[in-house]
N, C-alpha and C. Protein backbone atom coordinates (compact mmCIF):
# COMPACT_ATOMS: atom_id res chain seq x y z
N UNK A 1 153.42 -47.58 232.09
CA UNK A 1 154.38 -48.78 232.07
C UNK A 1 155.17 -49.04 230.95
N UNK A 2 156.13 -49.94 231.31
CA UNK A 2 157.21 -50.58 230.45
C UNK A 2 156.54 -51.00 228.97
N UNK A 3 156.95 -50.92 228.31
CA UNK A 3 156.07 -51.35 226.68
C UNK A 3 156.82 -53.13 226.56
N UNK A 4 157.96 -53.34 226.59
CA UNK A 4 158.16 -54.81 227.08
C UNK A 4 157.00 -55.96 228.12
N UNK A 5 156.86 -54.71 229.27
CA UNK A 5 155.87 -55.70 230.33
C UNK A 5 154.30 -55.68 229.60
N UNK A 6 154.17 -54.46 228.64
CA UNK A 6 152.30 -54.53 228.41
C UNK A 6 152.76 -55.72 227.18
N UNK A 7 153.85 -55.76 226.77
CA UNK A 7 153.59 -57.12 225.15
C UNK A 7 153.41 -58.50 226.16
N UNK A 8 154.23 -59.12 226.94
CA UNK A 8 153.97 -60.01 227.49
C UNK A 8 152.67 -59.79 228.55
N UNK A 9 152.27 -59.16 228.69
CA UNK A 9 150.77 -59.12 229.37
C UNK A 9 150.09 -59.65 228.47
N UNK A 10 149.61 -58.86 227.34
CA UNK A 10 149.08 -58.98 225.89
C UNK A 10 149.73 -60.81 225.44
N UNK A 11 150.62 -61.14 225.78
CA UNK A 11 150.81 -62.25 225.31
C UNK A 11 150.69 -63.31 226.33
N UNK A 12 150.58 -63.23 227.31
CA UNK A 12 150.17 -64.32 228.02
C UNK A 12 148.66 -63.74 228.33
N UNK A 13 147.91 -62.76 228.17
CA UNK A 13 146.25 -62.73 228.87
C UNK A 13 145.47 -62.66 227.23
N UNK A 14 145.64 -62.33 226.40
CA UNK A 14 145.17 -62.80 225.17
C UNK A 14 145.48 -63.79 224.20
N UNK A 15 143.78 -64.35 224.33
CA UNK A 15 143.65 -66.15 223.67
C UNK A 15 142.91 -65.86 222.68
N UNK A 16 142.35 -64.73 222.13
CA UNK A 16 141.25 -64.71 220.83
C UNK A 16 141.86 -64.13 219.90
N UNK A 17 141.62 -64.13 218.96
CA UNK A 17 141.16 -63.07 217.76
C UNK A 17 140.12 -61.74 218.42
N UNK A 18 139.33 -62.01 218.42
CA UNK A 18 138.46 -60.89 218.80
C UNK A 18 138.86 -59.91 220.55
N UNK A 19 139.91 -60.79 221.27
CA UNK A 19 139.91 -59.90 222.20
C UNK A 19 141.68 -59.44 221.82
N UNK A 20 142.37 -59.87 220.83
CA UNK A 20 143.03 -59.03 220.02
C UNK A 20 142.83 -57.93 219.14
N UNK A 21 141.82 -58.08 218.53
CA UNK A 21 140.99 -57.06 218.10
C UNK A 21 140.71 -55.89 219.21
N UNK A 22 139.93 -55.64 220.67
CA UNK A 22 139.63 -54.87 221.41
C UNK A 22 141.30 -54.60 221.69
N UNK A 23 142.02 -55.24 221.55
CA UNK A 23 143.73 -54.90 222.79
C UNK A 23 143.65 -53.34 221.38
N UNK A 24 143.86 -53.78 220.31
CA UNK A 24 144.44 -53.21 219.02
C UNK A 24 143.51 -52.00 218.90
N UNK A 25 142.31 -52.18 218.78
CA UNK A 25 141.37 -50.88 218.93
C UNK A 25 141.53 -49.55 219.95
N UNK A 26 141.87 -50.42 221.24
CA UNK A 26 142.58 -49.79 222.21
C UNK A 26 143.29 -48.83 222.16
N UNK A 27 144.07 -49.67 221.39
CA UNK A 27 145.93 -48.87 221.11
C UNK A 27 145.70 -47.27 220.09
N UNK A 28 145.07 -47.73 219.07
CA UNK A 28 144.21 -47.07 218.16
C UNK A 28 143.66 -46.15 218.58
N UNK A 29 142.60 -45.90 219.13
CA UNK A 29 141.98 -45.20 219.77
C UNK A 29 143.02 -43.82 220.53
N UNK A 30 143.67 -44.76 221.39
CA UNK A 30 144.77 -43.50 222.60
C UNK A 30 145.62 -43.14 221.34
N UNK A 31 146.17 -43.64 220.89
CA UNK A 31 147.03 -42.65 219.52
C UNK A 31 146.70 -41.78 219.12
N UNK A 32 145.46 -42.35 219.08
CA UNK A 32 144.29 -40.85 218.22
C UNK A 32 144.15 -39.46 218.94
N UNK A 33 144.03 -40.12 220.47
CA UNK A 33 143.77 -39.02 221.78
C UNK A 33 145.19 -38.32 221.63
N UNK A 34 146.22 -39.44 221.36
CA UNK A 34 147.61 -38.21 221.99
C UNK A 34 148.15 -37.53 220.57
N UNK A 35 147.44 -38.00 219.05
CA UNK A 35 148.08 -37.01 218.19
C UNK A 35 146.98 -35.92 218.14
N UNK A 36 146.02 -35.62 218.84
CA UNK A 36 144.67 -34.71 218.63
C UNK A 36 145.69 -33.82 219.89
N UNK A 37 146.02 -34.07 221.07
CA UNK A 37 146.85 -33.28 221.83
C UNK A 37 147.81 -32.61 221.41
N UNK A 38 148.85 -33.42 220.57
CA UNK A 38 149.96 -32.75 220.39
C UNK A 38 149.34 -31.86 219.37
N UNK A 39 149.10 -31.72 218.56
CA UNK A 39 148.18 -31.25 217.63
C UNK A 39 147.38 -30.03 217.99
N UNK A 40 146.72 -30.03 219.08
CA UNK A 40 145.92 -28.47 219.92
C UNK A 40 147.31 -27.71 220.30
N UNK A 41 148.45 -28.46 220.79
CA UNK A 41 149.31 -27.74 221.94
C UNK A 41 150.26 -27.02 220.63
N UNK A 42 150.06 -27.35 219.59
CA UNK A 42 151.15 -27.10 218.57
C UNK A 42 150.32 -25.45 218.22
N UNK A 43 148.94 -25.51 217.50
CA UNK A 43 148.47 -25.08 216.90
C UNK A 43 148.18 -23.68 218.54
N UNK A 44 148.29 -23.90 219.25
CA UNK A 44 147.83 -23.12 220.64
C UNK A 44 149.21 -22.25 220.20
N UNK A 45 150.15 -22.47 220.21
CA UNK A 45 151.65 -21.61 219.92
C UNK A 45 151.60 -21.38 218.60
N UNK A 46 151.31 -21.76 217.46
CA UNK A 46 151.22 -20.78 216.06
C UNK A 46 150.25 -19.92 216.02
N UNK A 47 150.75 -19.05 215.40
CA UNK A 47 149.36 -17.91 214.94
C UNK A 47 150.27 -17.38 213.34
N UNK A 48 148.98 -17.02 212.44
CA UNK A 48 149.06 -16.18 211.00
C UNK A 48 150.61 -15.15 210.98
N UNK A 49 151.76 -15.56 210.52
CA UNK A 49 152.64 -14.66 210.18
C UNK A 49 154.12 -15.66 210.51
N UNK A 50 153.88 -16.54 211.46
CA UNK A 50 155.25 -17.23 211.84
C UNK A 50 155.93 -17.66 210.97
N UNK A 51 157.19 -17.94 211.36
CA UNK A 51 157.82 -18.71 210.37
C UNK A 51 158.02 -19.87 210.15
N UNK A 52 157.69 -21.36 209.67
CA UNK A 52 158.17 -22.43 210.29
C UNK A 52 158.33 -23.13 209.49
N UNK A 53 159.09 -24.32 209.55
CA UNK A 53 159.51 -25.23 208.70
C UNK A 53 158.83 -26.73 208.98
N UNK A 54 158.92 -27.69 207.62
CA UNK A 54 158.24 -28.95 207.76
C UNK A 54 158.94 -29.94 206.82
N UNK A 55 158.69 -30.75 206.63
CA UNK A 55 159.35 -31.81 205.87
C UNK A 55 158.43 -31.69 204.82
N UNK A 56 158.86 -31.40 203.43
CA UNK A 56 158.38 -31.51 202.58
C UNK A 56 157.84 -32.83 201.74
N UNK A 57 157.70 -33.30 200.30
CA UNK A 57 157.65 -34.02 199.83
C UNK A 57 159.54 -34.40 199.26
N UNK A 58 159.75 -36.19 199.37
CA UNK A 58 160.78 -36.55 199.60
C UNK A 58 161.40 -36.10 200.19
N UNK A 59 161.52 -35.80 201.36
CA UNK A 59 161.75 -35.58 202.49
C UNK A 59 162.74 -34.45 202.39
N UNK A 60 162.28 -33.16 201.72
CA UNK A 60 162.86 -32.33 201.68
C UNK A 60 162.21 -30.85 202.88
N UNK A 61 163.02 -30.56 203.84
CA UNK A 61 162.74 -29.57 204.60
C UNK A 61 162.56 -28.30 203.45
N UNK A 62 161.38 -27.83 204.33
CA UNK A 62 160.72 -26.40 203.35
C UNK A 62 160.75 -25.72 205.23
N UNK A 63 160.77 -24.37 204.00
CA UNK A 63 160.36 -23.29 205.21
C UNK A 63 159.41 -22.41 204.50
N UNK A 64 158.50 -21.52 205.08
CA UNK A 64 156.95 -20.95 205.34
C UNK A 64 156.87 -20.04 206.23
N UNK A 65 156.05 -19.04 205.34
CA UNK A 65 154.92 -18.36 206.43
C UNK A 65 153.38 -19.28 206.46
N UNK A 66 153.09 -19.00 207.89
CA UNK A 66 151.75 -19.33 208.11
C UNK A 66 150.88 -18.43 207.29
N UNK A 67 150.13 -18.30 205.97
CA UNK A 67 148.61 -17.50 205.72
C UNK A 67 147.62 -17.41 206.08
N UNK A 68 147.04 -18.82 207.03
CA UNK A 68 146.01 -19.10 207.33
C UNK A 68 145.81 -20.34 208.52
N UNK A 69 145.00 -20.14 209.29
CA UNK A 69 144.67 -21.06 210.08
C UNK A 69 143.44 -22.12 210.17
N UNK A 70 143.80 -23.45 209.65
CA UNK A 70 142.63 -23.58 209.73
C UNK A 70 141.94 -24.51 211.11
N UNK A 71 141.22 -25.32 210.87
CA UNK A 71 140.97 -26.01 212.06
C UNK A 71 141.93 -27.25 212.52
N UNK A 72 142.45 -27.89 211.19
CA UNK A 72 143.33 -29.16 211.52
C UNK A 72 144.59 -28.66 210.68
N UNK A 73 144.20 -28.19 210.32
CA UNK A 73 145.87 -27.59 209.09
C UNK A 73 145.94 -26.11 209.16
N UNK A 74 147.42 -25.79 208.56
CA UNK A 74 147.66 -24.44 208.37
C UNK A 74 148.21 -24.24 206.83
N UNK A 75 147.94 -23.38 206.38
CA UNK A 75 148.03 -23.11 205.05
C UNK A 75 149.63 -22.12 205.19
N UNK A 76 150.44 -22.75 204.61
CA UNK A 76 151.77 -22.31 204.63
C UNK A 76 152.71 -22.21 203.14
N UNK A 77 152.83 -20.35 202.72
CA UNK A 77 153.41 -20.19 201.56
C UNK A 77 154.96 -20.37 201.56
N UNK A 78 155.14 -21.05 200.41
CA UNK A 78 156.87 -21.30 200.51
C UNK A 78 157.37 -21.14 199.54
N UNK A 79 158.57 -20.96 199.04
CA UNK A 79 158.85 -20.63 197.58
C UNK A 79 159.42 -22.08 197.08
N UNK A 80 159.11 -22.53 196.20
CA UNK A 80 159.64 -23.82 195.14
C UNK A 80 161.02 -23.03 194.98
N UNK A 81 161.14 -24.77 194.03
CA UNK A 81 162.93 -24.56 193.68
C UNK A 81 163.11 -23.43 192.58
N UNK A 82 161.85 -22.89 191.96
CA UNK A 82 162.24 -22.25 191.09
C UNK A 82 161.71 -20.77 191.33
N UNK A 83 161.63 -20.50 192.71
CA UNK A 83 161.25 -19.33 193.23
C UNK A 83 159.72 -19.42 193.20
N UNK A 84 158.89 -19.99 192.91
CA UNK A 84 157.67 -19.65 192.84
C UNK A 84 156.53 -19.54 194.00
N UNK A 85 156.01 -18.88 194.44
CA UNK A 85 155.12 -19.19 195.91
C UNK A 85 154.15 -20.02 195.85
N UNK A 86 154.27 -20.84 196.53
CA UNK A 86 153.81 -22.26 196.60
C UNK A 86 152.76 -22.23 198.00
N UNK A 87 151.52 -22.67 197.54
CA UNK A 87 150.60 -23.06 199.42
C UNK A 87 150.61 -24.20 199.81
N UNK A 88 151.21 -24.76 200.79
CA UNK A 88 151.22 -25.74 201.44
C UNK A 88 150.10 -25.79 202.62
N UNK A 89 149.11 -27.18 202.19
CA UNK A 89 148.87 -27.36 203.25
C UNK A 89 148.59 -28.66 204.56
N UNK A 90 149.22 -27.90 205.77
CA UNK A 90 150.36 -28.93 206.78
C UNK A 90 149.51 -29.10 207.54
N UNK A 91 149.27 -30.40 207.85
CA UNK A 91 149.09 -30.35 209.57
C UNK A 91 150.02 -29.48 211.00
N UNK A 92 149.08 -29.64 211.54
CA UNK A 92 150.03 -28.82 213.25
C UNK A 92 150.68 -29.53 213.42
N UNK A 93 150.79 -30.74 213.21
CA UNK A 93 151.98 -31.75 213.94
C UNK A 93 153.26 -32.04 213.22
N UNK A 94 153.07 -31.26 211.91
CA UNK A 94 154.81 -31.51 211.27
C UNK A 94 155.13 -29.99 211.23
N UNK A 95 154.54 -29.08 211.75
CA UNK A 95 155.24 -27.58 212.00
C UNK A 95 156.05 -27.24 213.21
N UNK A 96 157.43 -26.83 212.97
CA UNK A 96 157.86 -26.29 213.63
C UNK A 96 158.72 -25.24 213.18
N UNK A 97 158.24 -23.83 214.65
CA UNK A 97 158.73 -22.31 214.40
C UNK A 97 160.26 -22.63 214.51
N UNK A 98 160.54 -21.92 213.50
CA UNK A 98 161.72 -21.20 213.42
C UNK A 98 162.23 -19.98 214.22
């Protein structure tokens, strides 16, 4: 469904704060499900030893190797600016395979 049509439907059919809160809750639940599905798809593709990239602090592109797979995150071993090894706890949704 087109986002403009959805917005118009909400504008025409939602008349109280309670109804608006129900719409917001439904949108949040749907967004959470979509994010979980996307993360599960990425987790299925990734394995320990894969080289991945992700965006770290201050929008810096980081590259590293997955050392451990957890339920929602992966431990990624990267090198910092001084060359020391650093472990990042990254959600699967942030990771891209190199």
